[in-house]
Amino acid sequence: MTVIDLSPAKDNGVLKEIIKKGVGDKTPTTGCKVKVHYTGTLLDGTKFDSSKDRNEPFKFDLGRGSVIKSWDIGVASMKKGEIAILTCAPEYAYGQSGSPPLIPPDATLKFEVELLDWYGEDLSPGKDRGIERFQIDAGKPYASPEENSLMDVHLVGRYNGQVFEERDVSFILGEGAAVGVIEGVEVALQRFYSGEKSRILIKSKYAFKEQGNPEFNIPPNANVEYEVTLKSFEKETNLWSMEAPEKIKQAKIQKEKGTNYFTSGKLDLAIKVYQKVFKYIETASDFEDDLKKERDNIALTTHLNLALCYLKTDQSLSAKEQCTKALELDPQNEKALFRRGQAYLGLASPEVAIEDFREVVKVQPKNTAASKQILICNNLIKKQLAKEKKLYANMFDKFAQEDKQKEEQKLKELPDVMHGTLGEWGQEERPGGRDATAFEKENPNILMLNANGSGEFKNM
């Protein structure tokens, strides 16, 4: 059989002999999770380890240094189902130290390896294999882009093997949606190196989701594939190196960008960019005098804008929090009070919302919108009270009915004194212990006056 030298230096350090050919033409790449069965022996045939003896396949991350060098090299050349013998020189195995007590120093090893399966490197945030990477070209492994990096990227998108888009695109990492870059690609790019080219399998939740993409003829809930090349990237200026005026400048740029996204209806992007503003101005003590006033004004308007975005995306709690932060800067701010009132309405708390709307009217008596909201709150409060009243009334009726049923049951369980021996004349109760008369026998429940004429009833 043919023996192949896989060692990078072609020094016969890793020799491969195929025992059984695999299927297909794909091989695992760096970062893939591979599953193998193996048996390891010394050159004299002594077996020192076997996954088959344990009846459990061995899994590892390819190319990450979690196994000996010869395995990272050899398994990367194998196809699914392939069985091969890897002969590994000491420098590609356990070296001069060996692995006592089973593997002596400077030992050349043989491994029979069967590649059972593999899947891509899982880049998804939840580790649900929603974003899998298969490297084609590793690029220059020294740095990866970060949030806000400016990137030049080449994209090739495929669905069911058919290309639906191919283009070069430049964008800020974190704002890809503005130029039609899906979430899965952005998440993956955070782990790319400059010059890297990889195939990315992306599940629908990180792609076009339940909406699909009619323009590309992609149906709802469809998984897609992208071939992504990171041509270059430029990181943003480090925050620690910025002086206060530069921080103010960058905060204004982000705020304006957020407003542009808001105006164009891209609310999720607007929220993301507005949040970046506070990265530059979060620490108030960094600013003095006029810059402090400018910083507070930027913070106030950004809190208000975020609150509006959250209201429009039905995130009432977040809207309320942003309004409260705005009111810490300006306690009588009309917009902050009004929007917080709206947020409380969204949280089904009209009794709290009405207080904010009343404050708006105090600040600006001509604010008719706030006056209308007060009427709405009053109406909701009345409905809520009526609903509660009805609920409590039903509860009381239920409890009263249960009490009545309990009392009736207790009465049923009491002995009936008007029937049976307890309700009849006993011989011992008749004067002189006489026998009952015919009348008394026919009418046992009628009480008789004493014969002595005292007028007392018996059987009391």
Protein backbone atom coordinates (compact mmCIF):
# COMPACT_ATOMS: atom_id res chain seq x y z
CA MET A 1 0.00 0.00 0.00
CA THR A 2 1.05 3.59 -0.63
CA VAL A 3 2.70 5.39 2.28
CA ILE A 4 2.31 9.18 2.35
CA ASP A 5 4.65 11.54 4.21
CA LEU A 6 2.39 14.13 5.86
CA SER A 7 5.06 15.89 7.92
CA PRO A 8 5.44 19.61 7.07
CA ALA A 9 9.23 19.24 6.72
CA LYS A 10 8.89 16.02 4.70
CA ASP A 11 11.15 14.29 7.21
CA ASN A 12 9.06 11.10 7.46
CA GLY A 13 7.88 12.27 10.86
CA VAL A 14 4.22 11.46 10.10
CA LEU A 15 3.60 8.62 7.67
CA LYS A 16 0.10 7.62 6.61
CA GLU A 17 -1.03 4.32 5.10
CA ILE A 18 -4.70 4.06 4.09
CA ILE A 19 -6.33 0.76 5.11
CA LYS A 20 -9.86 1.70 4.06
CA LYS A 21 -10.82 4.65 1.90
CA GLY A 22 -13.33 7.16 3.19
CA VAL A 23 -16.31 8.70 1.42
CA GLY A 24 -16.70 12.09 -0.24
CA ASP A 25 -13.99 14.66 -0.77
CA LYS A 26 -14.26 16.75 2.40
CA THR A 27 -11.77 16.58 5.27
CA PRO A 28 -11.99 18.20 8.72
CA THR A 29 -10.32 21.57 9.23
CA THR A 30 -8.74 23.40 12.15
CA GLY A 31 -11.23 23.88 14.97
CA CYS A 32 -13.53 21.04 13.93
CA LYS A 33 -14.73 18.65 16.61
CA VAL A 34 -13.69 15.19 15.34
CA LYS A 35 -14.76 11.74 16.53
CA VAL A 36 -12.43 8.77 16.03
CA HIS A 37 -11.71 5.23 17.12
CA TYR A 38 -8.05 4.35 17.53
CA THR A 39 -5.60 1.70 18.70
CA GLY A 40 -2.04 2.70 19.62
CA THR A 41 0.95 0.32 19.57
CA LEU A 42 4.71 0.44 19.88
CA LEU A 43 6.81 -0.70 16.93
CA ASP A 44 7.08 -4.16 18.50
CA GLY A 45 3.28 -4.47 18.44
CA THR A 46 2.70 -3.81 22.14
CA LYS A 47 -0.69 -2.15 22.54
CA PHE A 48 -0.70 0.77 24.97
CA ASP A 49 -4.15 2.30 24.39
CA SER A 50 -7.40 1.72 22.48
CA SER A 51 -10.73 3.54 22.41
CA LYS A 52 -12.29 0.34 21.08
CA ASP A 53 -11.39 -1.47 24.29
CA ARG A 54 -13.38 1.20 26.14
CA ASN A 55 -16.16 0.94 23.53
CA GLU A 56 -16.24 4.74 23.42
CA PRO A 57 -15.09 6.97 20.53
CA PHE A 58 -12.55 9.69 21.28
CA LYS A 59 -13.39 13.34 20.51
CA PHE A 60 -11.05 16.31 20.23
CA ASP A 61 -10.73 19.77 18.65
CA LEU A 62 -8.57 19.43 15.57
CA GLY A 63 -5.53 21.67 15.23
CA ARG A 64 -5.78 23.16 18.72
CA GLY A 65 -2.88 21.25 20.29
CA SER A 66 -5.09 19.07 22.48
CA VAL A 67 -3.47 15.89 21.04
CA ILE A 68 0.01 14.98 19.80
CA LYS A 69 1.22 16.81 16.64
CA SER A 70 0.98 13.75 14.40
CA TRP A 71 -2.73 13.43 15.15
CA ASP A 72 -3.49 17.05 14.27
CA ILE A 73 -1.61 16.53 11.01
CA GLY A 74 -2.82 13.03 10.16
CA VAL A 75 -6.53 13.29 11.01
CA ALA A 76 -6.77 16.55 9.02
CA SER A 77 -5.96 14.51 5.89
CA MET A 78 -8.68 11.89 6.41
CA LYS A 79 -12.15 11.54 4.91
CA LYS A 80 -15.24 10.34 6.72
CA GLY A 81 -15.13 6.58 7.30
CA GLU A 82 -11.45 6.33 6.41
CA ILE A 83 -9.19 3.95 8.35
CA ALA A 84 -5.45 4.66 8.26
CA ILE A 85 -2.22 3.70 9.99
CA LEU A 86 -0.27 6.73 11.27
CA THR A 87 3.39 6.08 12.02
CA CYS A 88 4.59 8.88 14.28
CA ALA A 89 8.23 9.76 14.96
CA PRO A 90 9.05 10.81 18.56
CA GLU A 91 9.24 14.53 17.71
CA TYR A 92 5.63 14.30 16.48
CA ALA A 93 4.53 12.12 19.42
CA TYR A 94 5.77 12.11 23.04
CA GLY A 95 9.40 13.05 22.33
CA GLN A 96 12.32 12.38 24.62
CA SER A 97 10.14 12.13 27.73
CA GLY A 98 7.73 9.50 26.47
CA SER A 99 4.58 8.89 28.52
CA PRO A 100 5.51 6.53 31.38
CA PRO A 101 4.84 3.82 32.14
CA LEU A 102 3.34 2.73 28.82
CA ILE A 103 5.34 4.75 26.29
CA PRO A 104 9.14 4.84 26.64
CA PRO A 105 11.33 7.85 25.71
CA ASP A 106 12.02 8.52 22.02
CA ALA A 107 9.37 5.99 20.96
CA THR A 108 8.01 5.79 17.43
CA LEU A 109 4.32 4.98 17.64
CA LYS A 110 1.73 3.45 15.35
CA PHE A 111 -1.94 4.36 15.49
CA GLU A 112 -4.76 2.73 13.59
CA VAL A 113 -7.28 5.58 13.33
CA GLU A 114 -10.84 5.48 12.01
CA LEU A 115 -12.45 8.86 11.35
CA LEU A 116 -16.09 8.38 12.35
CA ASP A 117 -17.45 11.91 11.98
CA TRP A 118 -16.82 15.60 12.60
CA TYR A 119 -18.62 18.91 12.71
CA GLY A 120 -17.47 22.49 12.38
CA GLU A 121 -16.04 24.71 15.07
CA ASP A 122 -19.02 25.95 17.05
CA LEU A 123 -18.96 29.77 17.09
CA SER A 124 -22.57 30.28 18.21
CA PRO A 125 -23.10 32.28 21.43
CA GLY A 126 -25.22 29.53 22.98
CA LYS A 127 -22.98 26.69 21.74
CA ASP A 128 -25.96 25.20 19.90
CA ARG A 129 -24.04 24.61 16.64
CA GLY A 130 -26.03 27.41 15.05
CA ILE A 131 -22.82 28.86 13.53
CA GLU A 132 -20.17 26.34 12.40
CA ARG A 133 -16.83 27.29 10.87
CA PHE A 134 -14.73 25.21 8.47
CA GLN A 135 -11.43 26.97 7.74
CA ILE A 136 -10.19 27.09 4.17
CA ASP A 137 -7.30 29.50 4.76
CA ALA A 138 -6.25 30.37 8.32
CA GLY A 139 -4.98 33.85 7.41
CA LYS A 140 -2.52 35.64 9.69
CA PRO A 141 -3.19 34.42 13.25
CA TYR A 142 -2.21 37.42 15.35
CA ALA A 143 -5.37 39.46 15.99
CA SER A 144 -9.13 39.38 15.42
CA PRO A 145 -11.55 42.26 14.86
CA GLU A 146 -13.55 43.65 17.75
CA GLU A 147 -16.86 45.46 18.05
CA ASN A 148 -16.67 48.74 16.08
CA SER A 149 -13.79 47.55 13.87
CA LEU A 150 -14.02 48.74 10.26
CA MET A 151 -13.87 45.65 8.04
CA ASP A 152 -13.49 44.83 4.36
CA VAL A 153 -15.12 41.48 3.63
CA HIS A 154 -15.90 39.28 0.63
CA LEU A 155 -19.11 37.26 0.95
CA VAL A 156 -20.51 34.36 -1.06
CA GLY A 157 -23.92 33.19 0.18
CA ARG A 158 -25.41 29.81 -0.77
CA TYR A 159 -28.74 28.11 -0.17
CA ASN A 160 -29.15 24.47 -1.21
CA GLY A 161 -25.86 24.75 -3.08
CA GLN A 162 -27.00 27.73 -5.18
CA VAL A 163 -25.28 31.13 -4.87
CA PHE A 164 -27.77 33.84 -3.90
CA GLU A 165 -25.30 36.68 -3.30
CA GLU A 166 -21.64 37.47 -3.90
CA ARG A 167 -20.14 40.84 -3.06
CA ASP A 168 -17.43 42.90 -1.38
CA VAL A 169 -18.70 44.95 1.53
CA SER A 170 -17.25 47.33 4.11
CA PHE A 171 -18.99 47.89 7.44
CA ILE A 172 -18.54 48.45 11.15
CA LEU A 173 -18.58 45.21 13.12
CA GLY A 174 -21.83 45.27 15.09
CA GLU A 175 -23.67 47.27 12.43
CA GLY A 176 -23.70 44.73 9.62
CA ALA A 177 -27.49 44.71 9.46
CA ALA A 178 -27.30 48.21 7.96
CA VAL A 179 -25.73 46.71 4.83
CA GLY A 180 -27.61 43.40 4.85
CA VAL A 181 -25.00 41.27 6.63
CA ILE A 182 -26.72 38.59 8.71
CA GLU A 183 -26.04 38.01 12.40
CA GLY A 184 -24.28 34.67 11.91
CA VAL A 185 -21.64 36.22 9.66
CA GLU A 186 -20.98 39.05 12.12
CA VAL A 187 -20.65 36.65 15.04
CA ALA A 188 -18.22 34.48 13.06
CA LEU A 189 -16.08 37.43 11.97
CA GLN A 190 -15.25 38.22 15.58
CA ARG A 191 -13.18 34.98 15.55
CA PHE A 192 -11.53 35.54 12.15
CA TYR A 193 -7.94 36.55 11.45
CA SER A 194 -6.92 39.00 8.76
CA GLY A 195 -6.81 37.18 5.43
CA GLU A 196 -8.81 34.21 6.73
CA LYS A 197 -11.22 32.42 4.42
CA SER A 198 -13.76 30.03 5.92
CA ARG A 199 -16.97 28.24 5.10
CA ILE A 200 -19.71 29.07 7.62
CA LEU A 201 -22.87 26.99 8.10
CA ILE A 202 -25.56 29.16 9.65
CA LYS A 203 -28.89 28.03 11.07
CA SER A 204 -31.98 30.12 10.46
CA LYS A 205 -32.04 31.75 13.91
CA TYR A 206 -28.74 33.46 13.01
CA ALA A 207 -29.64 34.00 9.35
CA PHE A 208 -32.92 35.21 7.84
CA LYS A 209 -35.04 33.75 10.65
CA GLU A 210 -38.78 33.16 10.20
CA GLN A 211 -39.07 35.98 7.64
CA GLY A 212 -36.78 34.40 5.07
CA ASN A 213 -35.54 36.64 2.26
CA PRO A 214 -37.87 36.99 -0.75
CA GLU A 215 -35.21 38.92 -2.70
CA PHE A 216 -32.90 35.90 -2.55
CA ASN A 217 -35.74 33.33 -2.78
CA ILE A 218 -34.87 32.01 0.67
CA PRO A 219 -37.90 30.59 2.51
CA PRO A 220 -38.66 31.11 6.21
CA ASN A 221 -36.55 29.20 8.77
CA ALA A 222 -33.93 28.23 6.19
CA ASN A 223 -30.33 27.32 7.00
CA VAL A 224 -27.71 28.92 4.75
CA GLU A 225 -24.00 28.72 4.01
CA TYR A 226 -21.52 31.56 3.55
CA GLU A 227 -17.98 31.58 2.30
CA VAL A 228 -16.42 34.52 4.11
CA THR A 229 -13.06 36.18 3.48
CA LEU A 230 -11.83 38.86 5.89
CA LYS A 231 -9.70 40.93 3.54
CA SER A 232 -8.65 43.45 6.19
CA PHE A 233 -9.85 45.28 9.28
CA GLU A 234 -9.00 48.33 11.33
CA LYS A 235 -9.73 48.53 15.04
CA GLU A 236 -11.17 51.70 16.52
CA THR A 237 -8.97 53.98 18.59
CA ASN A 238 -8.46 52.74 22.13
CA LEU A 239 -10.65 54.59 24.60
CA TRP A 240 -7.87 54.97 27.17
CA SER A 241 -5.79 56.98 24.70
CA MET A 242 -8.55 59.56 24.08
CA GLU A 243 -8.65 62.98 25.69
CA ALA A 244 -11.99 64.36 26.91
CA PRO A 245 -12.68 66.46 23.75
CA GLU A 246 -12.11 63.38 21.54
CA LYS A 247 -14.50 61.35 23.69
CA ILE A 248 -17.15 64.04 23.25
CA LYS A 249 -16.54 64.02 19.50
CA GLN A 250 -16.89 60.24 19.23
CA ALA A 251 -20.02 60.27 21.41
CA LYS A 252 -21.61 62.82 19.07
CA ILE A 253 -20.72 60.71 16.03
CA GLN A 254 -22.36 57.63 17.54
CA LYS A 255 -25.42 59.61 18.63
CA GLU A 256 -25.89 61.05 15.14
CA LYS A 257 -25.44 57.63 13.59
CA GLY A 258 -28.03 56.19 15.96
CA THR A 259 -30.48 58.92 14.99
CA ASN A 260 -29.96 58.12 11.30
CA TYR A 261 -30.75 54.46 11.97
CA PHE A 262 -33.82 55.49 13.97
CA THR A 263 -35.06 57.74 11.18
CA SER A 264 -34.68 54.94 8.63
CA GLY A 265 -36.65 52.55 10.86
CA LYS A 266 -33.69 50.35 11.87
CA LEU A 267 -34.57 50.44 15.55
CA ASP A 268 -32.43 47.50 16.69
CA LEU A 269 -29.38 49.10 15.13
CA ALA A 270 -30.32 52.48 16.59
CA ILE A 271 -30.46 50.95 20.07
CA LYS A 272 -27.08 49.27 19.60
CA VAL A 273 -25.41 52.48 18.42
CA TYR A 274 -27.04 54.71 21.05
CA GLN A 275 -25.68 52.35 23.69
CA LYS A 276 -22.18 52.93 22.32
CA VAL A 277 -22.46 56.63 23.18
CA PHE A 278 -22.09 55.88 26.89
CA LYS A 279 -18.82 54.04 26.31
CA TYR A 280 -17.26 57.46 25.67
CA ILE A 281 -19.06 59.54 28.30
CA GLU A 282 -19.95 57.03 31.00
CA THR A 283 -17.54 58.47 33.60
CA ALA A 284 -18.74 61.99 34.37
CA SER A 285 -15.58 62.81 36.33
CA ASP A 286 -13.58 62.69 33.08
CA PHE A 287 -15.16 66.00 32.05
CA GLU A 288 -15.00 69.49 33.52
CA ASP A 289 -16.73 72.85 33.08
CA ASP A 290 -18.20 73.32 29.57
CA LEU A 291 -17.30 69.77 28.55
CA LYS A 292 -19.19 68.51 31.61
CA LYS A 293 -22.30 70.40 30.49
CA GLU A 294 -21.92 69.07 26.96
CA ARG A 295 -21.40 65.56 28.28
CA ASP A 296 -24.57 65.76 30.40
CA ASN A 297 -26.58 67.10 27.47
CA ILE A 298 -25.42 64.24 25.22
CA ALA A 299 -26.24 61.73 27.95
CA LEU A 300 -29.70 63.25 28.51
CA THR A 301 -30.72 63.24 24.85
CA THR A 302 -29.32 59.74 24.32
CA HIS A 303 -31.30 58.38 27.29
CA LEU A 304 -34.43 59.99 25.83
CA ASN A 305 -33.75 58.58 22.36
CA LEU A 306 -33.12 55.12 23.75
CA ALA A 307 -36.37 55.32 25.72
CA LEU A 308 -38.26 56.14 22.52
CA CYS A 309 -36.63 53.22 20.68
CA TYR A 310 -37.56 50.86 23.51
CA LEU A 311 -41.15 52.11 23.53
CA LYS A 312 -41.43 51.50 19.80
CA THR A 313 -40.07 47.97 20.20
CA ASP A 314 -42.36 47.12 23.16
CA GLN A 315 -39.53 47.02 25.70
CA SER A 316 -41.35 49.00 28.39
CA LEU A 317 -39.08 48.09 31.29
CA SER A 318 -35.95 49.24 29.45
CA ALA A 319 -37.77 52.41 28.39
CA LYS A 320 -38.69 53.15 31.99
CA GLU A 321 -35.07 52.68 33.10
CA GLN A 322 -33.77 55.08 30.44
CA CYS A 323 -36.33 57.72 31.43
CA THR A 324 -35.37 57.42 35.09
CA LYS A 325 -31.70 57.96 34.17
CA ALA A 326 -32.71 61.03 32.14
CA LEU A 327 -34.67 62.39 35.12
CA GLU A 328 -31.58 62.01 37.31
CA LEU A 329 -29.96 64.56 35.00
CA ASP A 330 -33.06 66.76 34.60
CA PRO A 331 -35.79 66.02 37.21
CA GLN A 332 -38.46 68.05 35.40
CA ASN A 333 -37.72 66.97 31.86
CA GLU A 334 -41.04 66.92 30.04
CA LYS A 335 -40.14 64.18 27.55
CA ALA A 336 -38.64 61.93 30.20
CA LEU A 337 -41.73 62.21 32.41
CA PHE A 338 -44.10 61.64 29.49
CA ARG A 339 -42.20 58.65 28.10
CA ARG A 340 -41.84 57.09 31.52
CA GLY A 341 -45.61 57.43 31.92
CA GLN A 342 -46.01 55.60 28.61
CA ALA A 343 -43.60 52.92 29.82
CA TYR A 344 -45.62 52.41 33.00
CA LEU A 345 -48.76 52.04 30.89
CA GLY A 346 -46.92 49.39 28.89
CA LEU A 347 -46.17 47.68 32.20
CA ALA A 348 -49.90 47.75 33.07
CA SER A 349 -49.38 50.23 35.93
CA PRO A 350 -51.79 53.12 35.18
CA GLU A 351 -51.87 54.15 38.85
CA VAL A 352 -48.12 54.91 38.62
CA ALA A 353 -48.21 56.27 35.07
CA ILE A 354 -50.80 58.91 35.98
CA GLU A 355 -48.39 60.50 38.46
CA ASP A 356 -45.80 61.08 35.71
CA PHE A 357 -48.43 62.54 33.38
CA ARG A 358 -49.61 64.86 36.16
CA GLU A 359 -46.03 66.03 36.61
CA VAL A 360 -45.88 66.76 32.88
CA VAL A 361 -48.95 68.99 33.18
CA LYS A 362 -47.39 70.78 36.14
CA VAL A 363 -44.27 71.46 34.08
CA GLN A 364 -46.22 72.32 30.92
CA PRO A 365 -49.95 72.99 31.51
CA LYS A 366 -50.59 73.22 27.76
CA ASN A 367 -49.42 69.67 27.12
CA THR A 368 -52.71 68.25 25.83
CA ALA A 369 -51.16 64.85 25.11
CA ALA A 370 -50.39 64.42 28.81
CA SER A 371 -53.92 65.53 29.74
CA LYS A 372 -55.36 62.90 27.41
CA GLN A 373 -53.10 60.27 28.97
CA ILE A 374 -54.43 61.23 32.42
CA LEU A 375 -57.98 60.56 31.19
CA ILE A 376 -56.83 57.23 29.75
CA CYS A 377 -55.17 56.33 33.06
CA ASN A 378 -58.29 57.24 35.05
CA ASN A 379 -60.42 55.10 32.76
CA LEU A 380 -58.01 52.16 33.10
CA ILE A 381 -57.91 52.55 36.87
CA LYS A 382 -61.74 52.55 37.04
CA LYS A 383 -61.89 49.44 34.88
CA GLN A 384 -59.26 47.81 37.02
CA LEU A 385 -61.15 48.64 40.23
CA ALA A 386 -64.42 47.36 38.76
CA LYS A 387 -62.70 44.17 37.70
CA GLU A 388 -61.20 43.73 41.16
CA LYS A 389 -64.58 44.46 42.80
CA LYS A 390 -66.25 41.83 40.64
CA LEU A 391 -63.46 39.40 41.37
CA TYR A 392 -63.73 39.92 45.12
CA ALA A 393 -67.54 39.74 44.99
CA ASN A 394 -67.34 36.42 43.22
CA MET A 395 -64.83 35.25 45.79
CA PHE A 396 -67.10 36.27 48.69
CA ASP A 397 -70.12 34.60 47.04
CA LYS A 398 -68.08 31.48 46.58
CA PHE A 399 -66.92 31.49 50.20
CA ALA A 400 -70.48 32.17 51.45
CA GLN A 401 -71.84 29.31 49.38
CA GLU A 402 -69.12 27.01 50.70
CA ASP A 403 -69.94 28.05 54.30
CA LYS A 404 -73.65 27.44 53.69
CA GLN A 405 -72.92 23.99 52.29
CA LYS A 406 -70.74 23.18 55.28
CA GLU A 407 -73.52 24.24 57.73
CA GLU A 408 -76.12 22.22 55.86
CA GLN A 409 -73.84 19.20 55.96
CA LYS A 410 -73.35 19.60 59.70
CA LEU A 411 -77.14 19.77 60.23
CA LYS A 412 -77.61 16.62 58.21
CA GLU A 413 -75.11 14.84 60.41
CA LEU A 414 -77.00 15.77 63.66
CA PRO A 415 -79.48 13.13 65.05
CA ASP A 416 -83.18 13.82 64.36
CA VAL A 417 -84.73 14.06 67.83
CA MET A 418 -88.28 13.96 66.43
CA HIS A 419 -87.87 10.46 65.04
CA GLY A 420 -86.91 7.16 66.56
CA THR A 421 -86.83 6.40 70.27
CA LEU A 422 -85.60 9.84 71.26
CA GLY A 423 -88.82 11.43 69.97
CA GLU A 424 -91.24 8.94 71.57
CA TRP A 425 -92.72 8.64 75.01
CA GLY A 426 -90.72 6.29 77.11
CA GLN A 427 -92.49 4.30 79.77
CA GLU A 428 -90.25 5.84 82.42
CA GLU A 429 -91.52 9.33 81.43
CA ARG A 430 -95.21 8.54 81.89
CA PRO A 431 -96.78 9.24 85.25
CA GLY A 432 -96.49 6.17 87.40
CA GLY A 433 -94.62 4.37 84.65
CA ARG A 434 -97.94 3.42 83.04
CA ASP A 435 -98.27 1.91 79.60
CA ALA A 436 -98.97 4.19 76.60
CA THR A 437 -102.54 4.85 75.73
CA ALA A 438 -103.92 4.07 72.30
CA PHE A 439 -103.76 7.81 71.42
CA GLU A 440 -100.15 8.06 72.52
CA LYS A 441 -99.21 5.04 70.41
CA GLU A 442 -100.88 6.56 67.35
CA ASN A 443 -99.33 10.01 67.99
CA PRO A 444 -95.88 9.42 69.51
CA ASN A 445 -94.56 12.91 68.72
CA ILE A 446 -97.32 14.88 70.44
CA LEU A 447 -96.34 16.14 73.86
CA MET A 448 -98.83 15.40 76.65
CA LEU A 449 -99.64 17.46 79.73
CA ASN A 450 -98.94 15.82 83.04
CA ALA A 451 -101.83 14.08 84.59
CA ASN A 452 -101.32 16.11 87.76
CA GLY A 453 -102.53 19.21 85.91
CA SER A 454 -99.30 21.17 86.46
CA GLY A 455 -99.32 22.18 82.82
CA GLU A 456 -95.74 20.93 82.27
CA PHE A 457 -94.86 19.28 79.02
CA LYS A 458 -92.99 16.07 78.98
CA ASN A 459 -90.31 15.04 76.55
CA MET A 460 -88.79 18.54 76.69
